[in-house]
Every structure is written in structure tokens, then in C-alpha cells.
Amino acid sequence: MTMNPRDYDINELEGGEPFKAGSESRQAGSSAADDVLRSNQYRELMQLEAMTDDLQKPYLRSLPDSYSAEVVIFEWLEYLVGMTGFKGTLEALRYYRSIGWITDDIEKALGEYLRSFDEPNLNESSGLNRSNHQLSLVYVAKLAAMD
């Protein structure tokens, strides 16, 4: 089931209960490792949000000009391409722009970065789910905090 990132934003995640291994809040079909990953994502988002004084959409208005930012960019894009291929990654970036996570210029710049990737052999992309979008929001917040 694909979740709509419009259903939540960084402020909504703040009040959410982290997923804990063995808890009743575990999503159907998720493993303890998935639960730990989600919990870590929530924690990282909250830490990044605390570092930001004036949080407004779009969250990411410019890409930081540093080696560490490029590492984060390539890590994020590699994750998205591995999950959903080039087309799905471009669709995700377009969607993130439409909901105000990134600007049009950021979408274009990330599209340029994608040119350096090899497309993985994907059987059939099931799209991105809430956890995938959540992780993208973590990457957006990391990059915004670096700027």
C-alpha cells in the first residue's frame, strides 16, 4: 500500500509514537529491523527539526555546496533508484516538489545528479511506501540543516 506524504509533515511526525520492536504499533508485514529503522528515522527527524529555527516549506531551498552534502545527495538518490528505478525516482522528486519538500530548482539539480547512476534491474516496482517517504524526508532535513 502506497502512503501519501501529504498525510504527514515534519511537525506531524513529532507527535507520533516511534515504532518499537515487539510493540503493538508494528505495521502489518514489517519486521523488527523495519521498526528500528522507523524509530531511528523519527529520532533523526526530531533532532534535525530542533536545530532549525524557522521551518517553512519548501524545506529544501538550496543544495549545500560541500563534499558531505554530495555524499548525502548520492546516498539518498541511490536509495530511491534502488527502490523504484529512475522513472520512479523522478516521479518521487516531482511529488516532493509538489508538496513543498523541495523547490523546482532542487528537483532539477537532483535530476542532474541522477545521470551518474546505473539503473538497477528491477522486477516490478511497487512504488514507495510511507517508510520510504519518511526516509526521504530525513534526507531533505539533513540537507536543509547543512545549508
Foldseek 3Di string as FASTA:
>chain_A
DADQPLVDDLVRLLPDDQQAAPDPPDDPPDHRVLSVLRNVLSVLSVVLVVLDDDQDFLLAEDFDPDPVSVVLLVVLLVVQLVQANDVLSLVVLVSSCVSGPYDPVVSVVSNVVCVVDDRDDDPDHPHDHPSNVSVVSSSSSVRSSND
